[in-house]
Protein backbone atom coordinates (compact mmCIF):
# COMPACT_ATOMS: atom_id res chain seq x y z
CA MET A 1 0.07 0.07 0.26
CA GLN A 2 1.58 3.13 -0.33
CA THR A 3 1.95 5.80 1.63
CA TYR A 4 1.86 9.60 2.01
CA PRO A 5 4.15 11.79 4.04
CA ALA A 6 2.14 13.85 6.76
CA ALA A 7 1.96 17.50 5.79
CA PRO A 8 3.46 20.25 7.88
CA HIS A 9 1.74 21.61 10.71
CA ARG A 10 -1.28 24.05 9.65
CA PRO A 11 -2.49 26.70 12.96
CA ILE A 12 -6.01 28.09 13.52
CA GLU A 13 -6.90 31.46 11.98
CA TRP A 14 -9.39 31.84 14.84
CA LYS A 15 -10.27 35.78 13.68
CA ARG A 16 -10.33 35.12 10.40
CA ALA A 17 -13.47 32.76 10.61
CA TRP A 18 -14.88 34.83 13.39
CA LYS A 19 -15.07 37.49 11.01
CA ALA A 20 -16.17 35.40 7.78
CA LEU A 21 -19.37 33.78 10.24
CA GLN A 22 -20.36 36.84 11.47
CA VAL A 23 -20.78 37.40 7.92
CA LEU A 24 -22.54 33.88 6.46
CA ILE A 25 -24.80 34.75 9.67
CA ASP A 26 -26.33 38.25 8.12
CA ASP A 27 -26.58 36.78 4.57
CA PRO A 28 -26.89 32.82 4.50
CA GLN A 29 -25.70 33.10 0.72
CA ARG A 30 -22.96 34.10 0.82
CA THR A 31 -22.01 30.50 0.20
CA GLU A 32 -17.79 31.06 0.05
CA LYS A 33 -17.76 31.93 3.36
CA VAL A 34 -18.07 28.59 3.88
CA PHE A 35 -15.16 27.20 2.35
CA GLU A 36 -13.29 30.26 4.25
CA ILE A 37 -14.85 28.98 7.77
CA ALA A 38 -13.51 25.57 6.69
CA GLU A 39 -10.06 26.13 5.49
CA ALA A 40 -9.16 29.06 8.83
CA LEU A 41 -10.43 25.78 10.96
CA SER A 42 -9.00 22.77 8.77
CA GLY A 43 -5.83 22.97 11.19
CA ASN A 44 -4.60 19.61 10.83
CA SER A 45 -7.89 17.91 10.06
CA PHE A 46 -8.06 18.04 6.71
CA GLU A 47 -5.04 15.76 6.55
CA ARG A 48 -6.45 13.32 9.21
CA HIS A 49 -9.09 12.72 6.75
CA PHE A 50 -6.94 12.86 3.24
CA GLN A 51 -4.50 9.64 5.59
CA ARG A 52 -8.03 7.54 5.78
CA PHE A 53 -8.52 8.02 3.12
CA ALA A 54 -5.62 7.42 0.68
CA ALA A 55 -5.95 4.39 3.82
CA HIS A 56 -8.72 3.39 2.41
CA PRO A 57 -8.62 0.70 -0.31
CA ASP A 58 -12.21 2.31 -2.65
CA GLY A 59 -9.59 5.59 -1.62
CA GLN A 60 -6.36 4.81 -3.48
CA ARG A 61 -7.89 3.47 -6.09
CA LEU A 62 -9.30 6.69 -6.92
CA LEU A 63 -6.48 8.10 -6.65
CA GLU A 64 -4.59 5.52 -8.53
CA GLU A 65 -7.74 6.46 -11.42
CA ARG A 66 -8.23 10.15 -11.31
CA PRO A 67 -12.01 9.72 -12.31
CA SER A 68 -13.49 13.79 -12.97
CA LEU A 69 -17.10 13.12 -10.64
CA LEU A 70 -17.39 16.41 -11.55
CA ASP A 71 -17.29 16.04 -15.23
CA MET A 72 -19.92 13.71 -14.65
CA LEU A 73 -21.92 15.84 -12.28
CA ARG A 74 -22.45 18.82 -15.47
CA ASP A 75 -22.98 16.02 -18.41
CA ARG A 76 -26.69 16.36 -17.39
CA GLU A 77 -28.08 15.12 -20.62
CA ALA A 78 -26.70 11.66 -19.30
CA LEU A 79 -27.96 12.30 -16.09
CA ARG A 80 -31.57 12.84 -17.34
CA ALA A 81 -31.22 9.64 -19.17
CA LEU A 82 -30.92 7.53 -15.86
CA PRO A 83 -34.44 5.56 -15.00
CA PRO A 84 -36.60 7.61 -12.45
CA GLY A 85 -35.46 6.91 -8.44
CA SER A 86 -32.35 6.30 -9.95
CA PHE A 87 -29.47 8.20 -7.88
CA GLY A 88 -27.70 10.13 -10.24
CA ARG A 89 -31.47 10.90 -12.45
CA THR A 90 -32.89 12.09 -8.94
CA TYR A 91 -29.31 14.13 -8.34
CA ALA A 92 -29.78 16.23 -11.58
CA GLU A 93 -33.66 17.04 -10.29
CA PHE A 94 -32.77 18.30 -7.26
CA MET A 95 -30.49 20.21 -8.95
CA GLU A 96 -32.42 21.92 -11.48
CA SER A 97 -35.07 21.99 -8.73
CA GLY A 98 -32.75 25.01 -7.26
CA ASN A 99 -31.41 26.43 -10.74
CA LEU A 100 -28.37 25.19 -8.95
CA THR A 101 -25.21 23.68 -11.09
CA PRO A 102 -21.79 21.30 -9.82
CA ASP A 103 -19.81 24.76 -10.95
CA GLY A 104 -21.93 27.02 -8.25
CA LEU A 105 -19.15 24.80 -5.74
CA VAL A 106 -16.30 25.61 -7.52
CA GLU A 107 -16.93 29.59 -7.69
CA ALA A 108 -17.27 29.70 -4.00
CA ASP A 109 -14.23 27.55 -3.30
CA VAL A 110 -12.26 30.24 -5.40
CA MET A 111 -13.93 33.02 -4.45
CA ALA A 112 -13.24 32.40 -0.86
CA GLU A 113 -11.59 34.86 0.50
CA ARG A 114 -7.84 33.62 1.31
CA PRO A 115 -4.98 37.35 2.89
CA ASN A 116 -2.16 34.60 2.83
CA PRO A 117 -0.96 33.31 -0.64
CA PRO A 118 -1.70 29.69 -0.67
CA GLU A 119 0.46 26.60 0.26
CA PRO A 120 1.72 24.87 -2.44
CA VAL A 121 -0.70 21.13 -2.32
CA ASP A 122 0.14 17.64 -3.89
CA PRO A 123 -1.79 16.81 -7.04
CA ASN A 124 -3.62 13.94 -4.81
CA ARG A 125 -4.48 16.44 -1.89
CA GLU A 126 -5.89 18.59 -4.51
CA PHE A 127 -8.15 15.29 -6.30
CA PHE A 128 -9.48 14.91 -2.67
CA GLY A 129 -9.96 18.28 -2.02
CA ASP A 130 -12.17 19.08 -4.85
CA ARG A 131 -13.71 15.36 -4.82
CA ILE A 132 -15.23 16.77 -1.01
CA ARG A 133 -16.79 19.92 -2.67
CA ASP A 134 -17.96 18.12 -5.64
CA ILE A 135 -20.22 15.71 -3.66
CA HIS A 136 -21.54 18.15 -1.13
CA ASP A 137 -25.42 18.85 -3.58
CA LEU A 138 -24.40 14.64 -4.05
CA TRP A 139 -25.03 14.07 0.20
CA HIS A 140 -27.83 16.46 0.00
CA VAL A 141 -29.29 13.66 -2.30
CA LEU A 142 -28.20 10.22 -0.39
CA THR A 143 -29.70 12.37 3.28
CA GLY A 144 -33.81 13.45 1.49
CA TYR A 145 -31.63 17.49 3.19
CA GLY A 146 -33.06 20.66 1.12
CA MET A 147 -31.56 23.25 -0.68
CA ASP A 148 -33.17 25.71 1.89
CA GLU A 149 -31.12 26.93 5.08
CA ALA A 150 -32.28 24.27 7.67
CA GLY A 151 -31.34 21.94 4.75
CA GLU A 152 -27.75 23.36 4.55
CA ALA A 153 -27.39 22.67 8.20
CA ALA A 154 -28.24 19.54 8.36
CA ASN A 155 -26.33 18.27 5.54
CA LEU A 156 -23.71 19.83 7.14
CA ALA A 157 -24.63 18.43 10.52
CA PHE A 158 -24.18 15.25 8.65
CA THR A 159 -20.78 15.62 7.13
CA ILE A 160 -19.10 16.67 10.85
CA GLY A 161 -20.34 12.71 11.12
CA GLN A 162 -17.93 12.34 8.29
CA ILE A 163 -15.15 14.79 7.77
CA PRO A 164 -15.50 16.81 11.47
CA THR A 165 -13.26 19.81 11.34
CA TYR A 166 -14.04 23.11 13.54
CA GLY A 167 -15.33 25.36 10.97
CA ILE A 168 -18.54 23.12 10.20
CA VAL A 169 -19.13 22.51 13.60
CA ALA A 170 -18.46 25.73 14.01
CA ILE A 171 -21.42 26.19 11.36
CA VAL A 172 -23.36 23.97 12.73
CA LEU A 173 -23.76 24.71 16.11
CA THR A 174 -24.38 28.91 14.84
CA ALA A 175 -27.36 26.97 12.83
CA GLY A 176 -28.63 25.42 16.23
CA VAL A 177 -27.81 28.40 18.70
CA ILE A 178 -29.78 30.85 16.85
CA GLY A 179 -32.23 28.08 15.33
CA PRO A 180 -36.00 27.50 16.82
CA LYS A 181 -36.19 26.92 20.36
CA ASP A 182 -38.62 24.92 23.00
CA LEU A 183 -38.21 22.95 25.43
CA ARG A 184 -37.75 19.85 23.55
CA PHE A 185 -35.49 21.57 21.70
CA THR A 186 -36.53 20.44 18.55
CA TRP A 187 -34.33 21.72 16.44
CA GLN A 188 -31.32 20.87 17.95
CA ARG A 189 -32.31 16.95 18.19
CA TYR A 190 -33.02 17.38 14.54
CA LEU A 191 -29.41 18.36 13.53
CA PHE A 192 -28.23 15.61 16.04
CA ARG A 193 -30.16 13.31 14.22
CA ALA A 194 -28.40 14.37 10.67
CA TRP A 195 -24.72 14.22 12.81
CA ARG A 196 -25.87 11.05 13.59
CA ARG A 197 -27.21 9.36 10.41
CA GLY A 198 -23.25 10.76 9.17
CA ARG A 199 -21.61 9.35 11.66
CA GLY A 200 -23.57 5.80 10.86
CA ALA A 201 -22.33 5.48 7.15
CA VAL A 202 -19.64 4.13 5.74
CA LEU A 203 -16.90 6.19 5.12
CA LEU A 204 -18.16 8.89 1.86
CA THR A 205 -15.12 10.39 0.96
CA ALA A 206 -14.26 7.31 -0.64
CA VAL A 207 -16.52 6.10 -2.25
CA ARG A 208 -17.06 6.27 -5.92
CA TYR A 209 -19.81 7.69 -6.72
CA GLU A 210 -18.95 7.18 -10.47
CA GLU A 211 -20.67 3.91 -10.61
CA LEU A 212 -23.83 4.39 -8.28
CA LEU A 213 -25.14 7.08 -10.32
CA SER A 214 -27.43 4.79 -12.32
CA ARG A 215 -28.94 2.45 -9.09
CA PRO A 216 -32.06 3.25 -7.80
CA LEU A 217 -30.98 5.67 -4.86
CA SER A 218 -32.94 3.15 -2.25
CA ASP A 219 -30.50 1.11 -3.32
CA VAL A 220 -27.47 3.64 -2.76
CA ARG A 221 -28.46 4.43 0.10
CA LYS A 222 -28.80 1.11 2.02
CA LEU A 223 -25.54 0.18 0.11
CA LEU A 224 -24.02 2.85 2.12
CA ASN A 225 -25.71 2.53 5.38
CA ILE A 226 -27.03 6.02 5.02
CA GLU A 227 -30.71 5.89 7.05
CA PRO A 228 -34.00 7.09 4.30
CA PRO A 229 -35.33 9.94 5.50
CA GLU A 230 -38.38 8.71 6.48
CA GLN A 231 -36.81 6.41 9.24
CA ALA A 232 -33.88 8.92 10.27
CA HIS A 233 -36.85 11.80 10.74
CA PRO A 234 -39.65 10.24 11.28
CA GLU A 235 -41.56 13.56 12.29
CA GLY A 236 -40.33 14.60 8.85
CA VAL A 237 -37.58 16.49 6.80
CA VAL A 238 -37.24 20.53 7.81
CA VAL A 239 -38.38 22.67 5.53
CA ALA A 240 -37.46 26.13 6.81
CA ASN A 241 -35.74 29.54 5.44
CA ARG A 242 -34.35 31.89 7.47
CA GLU A 243 -36.72 33.83 9.07
CA ASP A 244 -38.05 30.35 10.14
CA LEU A 245 -34.64 29.60 11.24
CA LEU A 246 -34.35 33.35 13.43
CA GLY A 247 -37.98 32.71 14.74
CA ALA A 248 -40.69 31.07 14.24
CA PRO A 249 -40.51 27.00 14.62
CA ALA A 250 -39.35 25.70 11.17
CA ALA A 251 -42.45 23.56 9.25
CA ALA A 252 -41.87 19.71 8.70
CA GLY A 253 -41.91 17.81 5.32
CA GLY A 254 -40.76 18.47 1.52
CA GLY A 255 -36.90 17.34 0.95
CA VAL A 256 -35.60 14.71 -1.64
CA HIS A 257 -36.75 11.42 -1.45
């Protein structure tokens, strides 16, 4: 098995992350701030997750073959030609419903403010980082969490279960604190269940999504050990915009099923 020497230690940039988090709270549409927060607070977490990915047999294979998941996700015509209910077709319908493209995350990543010149990144880690970025919306489909503010918070909570980093934890904790409150902690418990779903799944960073797009979404969830939405959230998937999260309790229903 090929091994990869550890990358140099990276300090955590708390001040930079706090400023970016304040901007994101004021305007949740500033997606690039998510990337900035994650980068500022990443420390050595990215390296730990890369090493885990590289040690996995499927991760090794991905590093050797370097498939372009982004190119496959860009091919909307091919995805739409897949069978109804398939993973890839559901993804295409999800993206079309929000007028989204996979390049949107690429652009947000590029727009993230980086006050210091970026350190050179070797091709293996660059491939891994790009792949994590590109699977974000695939995880929306796998989890059933929507593209609204509640769905993004839940999808990030799910992400913590897979690739915990201080940056994503800070965003989800903020969502839990400023979100709707009641004596049963409904919203906070919802985010906890989203985290638990991610924790219970297989190592999703090493999954060969390219080979699963044509399969039924329900089968893919079972293969990856991801609880279906109706099982993880029997009361319904939360759908709420920013005003709902900051004011009245969020409504249940909807989502990607």
